[in-house]
Amino acid sequence: MITLHDIETIEGLDDEATEEDYYFAIQKAINGGAWSMQGSYGRAMMDAITSGHCMLGRDQCRDYYGNTIPSRDDVQQGTKGSYEYVIKHNGLEWADTMLEA
């Protein structure tokens, strides 16, 4: 579940947050289905998925417009949003850290 601290980290209000803290907070937002929050959150989540820093959530969800956001298990292994895609772009240790979010 996303917390107030996670929101502060995502919005850049926590001066002590590291890059890992930022992406961990983004992954928590993705896992929590925060796709219906303000547009900047959706863009940040998609940017993190596209760059391979984060993966899709454990469960399908819907965005503000009712579009289905697939789960990480709904996409093919190695494609954007999958665990394997994160490994390819940022390594096994990073991917395992994101699994803990």
N, C-alpha and C. Protein backbone atom coordinates (compact mmCIF):
# COMPACT_ATOMS: atom_id res chain seq x y z
N MET A 1 0.84 -1.17 0.00
CA MET A 1 0.00 0.00 0.00
C MET A 1 0.89 1.25 0.00
N ILE A 2 0.51 2.21 -0.78
CA ILE A 2 1.26 3.46 -0.89
C ILE A 2 0.98 4.32 0.36
N THR A 3 2.05 4.92 0.87
CA THR A 3 1.95 5.73 2.08
C THR A 3 2.20 7.21 1.75
N LEU A 4 1.97 8.06 2.73
CA LEU A 4 2.25 9.48 2.56
C LEU A 4 3.74 9.69 2.26
N HIS A 5 4.59 8.93 2.92
CA HIS A 5 6.03 9.04 2.66
C HIS A 5 6.35 8.67 1.21
N ASP A 6 5.68 7.64 0.69
CA ASP A 6 5.88 7.26 -0.72
C ASP A 6 5.47 8.40 -1.64
N ILE A 7 4.36 9.04 -1.34
CA ILE A 7 3.90 10.17 -2.16
C ILE A 7 4.91 11.31 -2.11
N GLU A 8 5.42 11.60 -0.92
CA GLU A 8 6.44 12.65 -0.79
C GLU A 8 7.70 12.29 -1.59
N THR A 9 8.07 11.02 -1.58
CA THR A 9 9.25 10.57 -2.34
C THR A 9 9.00 10.73 -3.84
N ILE A 10 7.85 10.31 -4.31
CA ILE A 10 7.52 10.41 -5.73
C ILE A 10 7.48 11.87 -6.18
N GLU A 11 6.94 12.73 -5.33
CA GLU A 11 6.80 14.14 -5.70
C GLU A 11 8.08 14.94 -5.46
N GLY A 12 9.13 14.29 -4.98
CA GLY A 12 10.40 14.95 -4.80
C GLY A 12 10.48 15.82 -3.55
N LEU A 13 9.59 15.59 -2.59
CA LEU A 13 9.57 16.39 -1.37
C LEU A 13 10.51 15.87 -0.30
N ASP A 14 11.00 14.64 -0.48
CA ASP A 14 11.94 14.05 0.47
C ASP A 14 13.34 14.23 -0.07
N ASP A 15 14.06 15.20 0.48
CA ASP A 15 15.40 15.53 -0.01
C ASP A 15 16.41 14.41 0.20
N GLU A 16 16.12 13.50 1.11
CA GLU A 16 17.06 12.42 1.42
C GLU A 16 16.78 11.13 0.64
N ALA A 17 15.73 11.13 -0.17
CA ALA A 17 15.37 9.94 -0.93
C ALA A 17 16.40 9.65 -2.01
N THR A 18 16.75 8.38 -2.13
CA THR A 18 17.68 7.94 -3.17
C THR A 18 16.90 7.53 -4.41
N GLU A 19 17.62 7.22 -5.47
CA GLU A 19 16.98 6.73 -6.68
C GLU A 19 16.23 5.43 -6.37
N GLU A 20 16.83 4.57 -5.57
CA GLU A 20 16.17 3.32 -5.20
C GLU A 20 14.89 3.60 -4.41
N ASP A 21 14.93 4.56 -3.50
CA ASP A 21 13.73 4.94 -2.73
C ASP A 21 12.62 5.40 -3.67
N TYR A 22 13.00 6.22 -4.67
CA TYR A 22 12.02 6.73 -5.63
C TYR A 22 11.34 5.59 -6.39
N TYR A 23 12.14 4.70 -6.96
CA TYR A 23 11.56 3.62 -7.75
C TYR A 23 10.82 2.60 -6.88
N PHE A 24 11.26 2.42 -5.65
CA PHE A 24 10.55 1.54 -4.72
C PHE A 24 9.16 2.12 -4.44
N ALA A 25 9.09 3.44 -4.24
CA ALA A 25 7.79 4.10 -4.02
C ALA A 25 6.92 3.99 -5.27
N ILE A 26 7.52 4.16 -6.44
CA ILE A 26 6.77 4.01 -7.70
C ILE A 26 6.24 2.58 -7.83
N GLN A 27 7.08 1.59 -7.52
CA GLN A 27 6.65 0.20 -7.61
C GLN A 27 5.49 -0.06 -6.64
N LYS A 28 5.55 0.51 -5.45
CA LYS A 28 4.45 0.36 -4.50
C LYS A 28 3.17 0.98 -5.06
N ALA A 29 3.28 2.12 -5.73
CA ALA A 29 2.11 2.76 -6.35
C ALA A 29 1.55 1.87 -7.45
N ILE A 30 2.43 1.28 -8.25
CA ILE A 30 1.99 0.37 -9.32
C ILE A 30 1.28 -0.83 -8.70
N ASN A 31 1.91 -1.45 -7.70
CA ASN A 31 1.31 -2.62 -7.05
C ASN A 31 -0.03 -2.29 -6.41
N GLY A 32 -0.16 -1.06 -5.92
CA GLY A 32 -1.38 -0.63 -5.26
C GLY A 32 -2.47 -0.19 -6.22
N GLY A 33 -2.18 -0.21 -7.51
CA GLY A 33 -3.19 0.17 -8.50
C GLY A 33 -3.48 1.65 -8.55
N ALA A 34 -2.48 2.47 -8.33
CA ALA A 34 -2.65 3.92 -8.27
C ALA A 34 -2.79 4.57 -9.65
N TRP A 35 -3.24 3.82 -10.62
CA TRP A 35 -3.36 4.32 -11.99
C TRP A 35 -4.44 5.39 -12.14
N SER A 36 -5.33 5.50 -11.18
CA SER A 36 -6.41 6.49 -11.29
C SER A 36 -6.05 7.81 -10.61
N MET A 37 -4.84 7.91 -10.06
CA MET A 37 -4.40 9.17 -9.45
C MET A 37 -4.08 10.18 -10.54
N GLN A 38 -3.73 11.40 -10.15
CA GLN A 38 -3.45 12.46 -11.12
C GLN A 38 -2.48 12.00 -12.19
N GLY A 39 -2.56 12.62 -13.34
CA GLY A 39 -1.82 12.20 -14.52
C GLY A 39 -0.33 12.05 -14.35
N SER A 40 0.29 12.87 -13.53
CA SER A 40 1.73 12.78 -13.37
C SER A 40 2.15 11.45 -12.75
N TYR A 41 1.28 10.86 -11.94
CA TYR A 41 1.60 9.55 -11.35
C TYR A 41 1.59 8.47 -12.42
N GLY A 42 0.58 8.47 -13.26
CA GLY A 42 0.51 7.49 -14.33
C GLY A 42 1.70 7.60 -15.27
N ARG A 43 2.09 8.83 -15.58
CA ARG A 43 3.25 9.03 -16.46
C ARG A 43 4.53 8.54 -15.78
N ALA A 44 4.67 8.84 -14.49
CA ALA A 44 5.87 8.39 -13.76
C ALA A 44 5.91 6.87 -13.69
N MET A 45 4.77 6.24 -13.48
CA MET A 45 4.72 4.78 -13.41
C MET A 45 5.06 4.17 -14.76
N MET A 46 4.51 4.72 -15.84
CA MET A 46 4.82 4.19 -17.18
C MET A 46 6.28 4.43 -17.55
N ASP A 47 6.82 5.58 -17.19
CA ASP A 47 8.24 5.85 -17.46
C ASP A 47 9.13 4.83 -16.73
N ALA A 48 8.78 4.52 -15.47
CA ALA A 48 9.57 3.57 -14.69
C ALA A 48 9.47 2.16 -15.28
N ILE A 49 8.30 1.79 -15.79
CA ILE A 49 8.12 0.48 -16.43
C ILE A 49 8.90 0.43 -17.75
N THR A 50 8.78 1.48 -18.54
CA THR A 50 9.46 1.53 -19.83
C THR A 50 10.98 1.47 -19.68
N SER A 51 11.51 2.14 -18.65
CA SER A 51 12.96 2.15 -18.44
C SER A 51 13.47 0.86 -17.80
N GLY A 52 12.55 0.00 -17.37
CA GLY A 52 12.95 -1.26 -16.74
C GLY A 52 13.30 -1.11 -15.27
N HIS A 53 12.95 0.02 -14.66
CA HIS A 53 13.18 0.19 -13.23
C HIS A 53 12.08 -0.46 -12.41
N CYS A 54 10.89 -0.55 -12.97
CA CYS A 54 9.75 -1.15 -12.27
C CYS A 54 9.03 -2.11 -13.21
N MET A 55 8.21 -2.97 -12.62
CA MET A 55 7.42 -3.92 -13.40
C MET A 55 5.95 -3.67 -13.13
N LEU A 56 5.12 -4.25 -13.95
CA LEU A 56 3.68 -4.14 -13.72
C LEU A 56 3.33 -4.75 -12.37
N GLY A 57 2.15 -4.43 -11.88
CA GLY A 57 1.71 -4.93 -10.58
C GLY A 57 1.37 -6.41 -10.59
N ARG A 58 1.08 -6.91 -9.42
CA ARG A 58 0.74 -8.33 -9.27
C ARG A 58 -0.65 -8.65 -9.83
N ASP A 59 -1.52 -7.65 -9.83
CA ASP A 59 -2.90 -7.85 -10.27
C ASP A 59 -3.26 -6.85 -11.36
N GLN A 60 -4.19 -7.23 -12.21
CA GLN A 60 -4.73 -6.29 -13.18
C GLN A 60 -5.46 -5.18 -12.44
N CYS A 61 -5.52 -4.01 -13.05
CA CYS A 61 -6.33 -2.93 -12.48
C CYS A 61 -6.82 -2.06 -13.62
N ARG A 62 -7.52 -1.02 -13.28
CA ARG A 62 -8.05 -0.09 -14.29
C ARG A 62 -7.53 1.31 -14.02
N ASP A 63 -7.31 2.05 -15.10
CA ASP A 63 -6.89 3.43 -14.95
C ASP A 63 -8.12 4.33 -14.83
N TYR A 64 -7.90 5.61 -14.74
CA TYR A 64 -8.97 6.60 -14.56
C TYR A 64 -10.04 6.48 -15.65
N TYR A 65 -9.62 6.12 -16.85
CA TYR A 65 -10.53 6.05 -17.99
C TYR A 65 -11.18 4.68 -18.17
N GLY A 66 -10.86 3.75 -17.29
CA GLY A 66 -11.45 2.42 -17.37
C GLY A 66 -10.65 1.43 -18.19
N ASN A 67 -9.49 1.84 -18.69
CA ASN A 67 -8.63 0.93 -19.45
C ASN A 67 -8.01 -0.09 -18.51
N THR A 68 -7.86 -1.31 -18.99
CA THR A 68 -7.25 -2.37 -18.19
C THR A 68 -5.74 -2.25 -18.23
N ILE A 69 -5.14 -2.26 -17.06
CA ILE A 69 -3.69 -2.32 -16.93
C ILE A 69 -3.37 -3.78 -16.60
N PRO A 70 -2.60 -4.46 -17.45
CA PRO A 70 -2.34 -5.88 -17.20
C PRO A 70 -1.44 -6.09 -15.99
N SER A 71 -1.44 -7.30 -15.48
CA SER A 71 -0.50 -7.66 -14.41
C SER A 71 0.81 -8.09 -15.05
N ARG A 72 1.85 -8.21 -14.22
CA ARG A 72 3.15 -8.65 -14.75
C ARG A 72 3.08 -10.06 -15.29
N ASP A 73 2.09 -10.85 -14.83
CA ASP A 73 1.94 -12.22 -15.33
C ASP A 73 1.14 -12.28 -16.62
N ASP A 74 0.49 -11.17 -17.00
CA ASP A 74 -0.31 -11.13 -18.23
C ASP A 74 0.55 -10.84 -19.46
N VAL A 75 1.76 -10.32 -19.25
CA VAL A 75 2.63 -10.00 -20.39
C VAL A 75 3.66 -11.11 -20.56
N GLN A 76 4.18 -11.23 -21.76
CA GLN A 76 5.17 -12.28 -22.03
C GLN A 76 6.46 -11.99 -21.28
N GLN A 77 7.12 -13.06 -20.84
CA GLN A 77 8.41 -12.93 -20.17
C GLN A 77 9.38 -12.18 -21.07
N GLY A 78 10.09 -11.24 -20.48
CA GLY A 78 11.08 -10.48 -21.23
C GLY A 78 10.55 -9.23 -21.89
N THR A 79 9.22 -9.05 -21.90
CA THR A 79 8.66 -7.85 -22.49
C THR A 79 8.44 -6.79 -21.43
N LYS A 80 8.24 -5.56 -21.90
CA LYS A 80 8.06 -4.42 -21.01
C LYS A 80 7.00 -4.73 -19.95
N GLY A 81 7.35 -4.48 -18.70
CA GLY A 81 6.43 -4.71 -17.59
C GLY A 81 6.64 -6.02 -16.88
N SER A 82 7.49 -6.89 -17.44
CA SER A 82 7.73 -8.20 -16.83
C SER A 82 8.95 -8.15 -15.90
N TYR A 83 9.01 -9.11 -15.03
CA TYR A 83 10.14 -9.27 -14.10
C TYR A 83 11.44 -9.42 -14.90
N GLU A 84 11.41 -10.21 -15.95
CA GLU A 84 12.60 -10.47 -16.77
C GLU A 84 13.09 -9.19 -17.48
N TYR A 85 12.16 -8.32 -17.85
CA TYR A 85 12.53 -7.05 -18.49
C TYR A 85 13.32 -6.18 -17.51
N VAL A 86 12.90 -6.17 -16.25
CA VAL A 86 13.61 -5.41 -15.22
C VAL A 86 15.01 -5.99 -15.02
N ILE A 87 15.11 -7.32 -14.99
CA ILE A 87 16.42 -7.96 -14.87
C ILE A 87 17.32 -7.54 -16.03
N LYS A 88 16.79 -7.58 -17.24
CA LYS A 88 17.57 -7.24 -18.43
C LYS A 88 18.11 -5.81 -18.36
N HIS A 89 17.32 -4.89 -17.85
CA HIS A 89 17.70 -3.48 -17.86
C HIS A 89 18.41 -3.00 -16.60
N ASN A 90 18.16 -3.66 -15.46
CA ASN A 90 18.73 -3.16 -14.21
C ASN A 90 19.30 -4.24 -13.31
N GLY A 91 19.28 -5.48 -13.75
CA GLY A 91 19.92 -6.55 -13.00
C GLY A 91 18.98 -7.30 -12.06
N LEU A 92 19.43 -8.49 -11.68
CA LEU A 92 18.65 -9.39 -10.83
C LEU A 92 18.41 -8.79 -9.44
N GLU A 93 19.45 -8.23 -8.85
CA GLU A 93 19.31 -7.66 -7.50
C GLU A 93 18.25 -6.55 -7.47
N TRP A 94 18.28 -5.68 -8.50
CA TRP A 94 17.30 -4.60 -8.58
C TRP A 94 15.89 -5.18 -8.73
N ALA A 95 15.73 -6.15 -9.62
CA ALA A 95 14.41 -6.75 -9.86
C ALA A 95 13.88 -7.39 -8.58
N ASP A 96 14.75 -8.07 -7.86
CA ASP A 96 14.32 -8.70 -6.60
C ASP A 96 13.92 -7.65 -5.55
N THR A 97 14.62 -6.51 -5.55
CA THR A 97 14.24 -5.42 -4.65
C THR A 97 12.85 -4.89 -4.99
N MET A 98 12.55 -4.77 -6.28
CA MET A 98 11.24 -4.28 -6.69
C MET A 98 10.14 -5.30 -6.36
N LEU A 99 10.48 -6.57 -6.34
CA LEU A 99 9.49 -7.58 -5.95
C LEU A 99 9.06 -7.42 -4.50
N GLU A 100 9.91 -6.82 -3.68
CA GLU A 100 9.60 -6.65 -2.26
C GLU A 100 8.66 -5.48 -2.00
N ALA A 101 8.45 -4.62 -3.00
CA ALA A 101 7.61 -3.42 -2.82
C ALA A 101 6.17 -3.79 -2.54
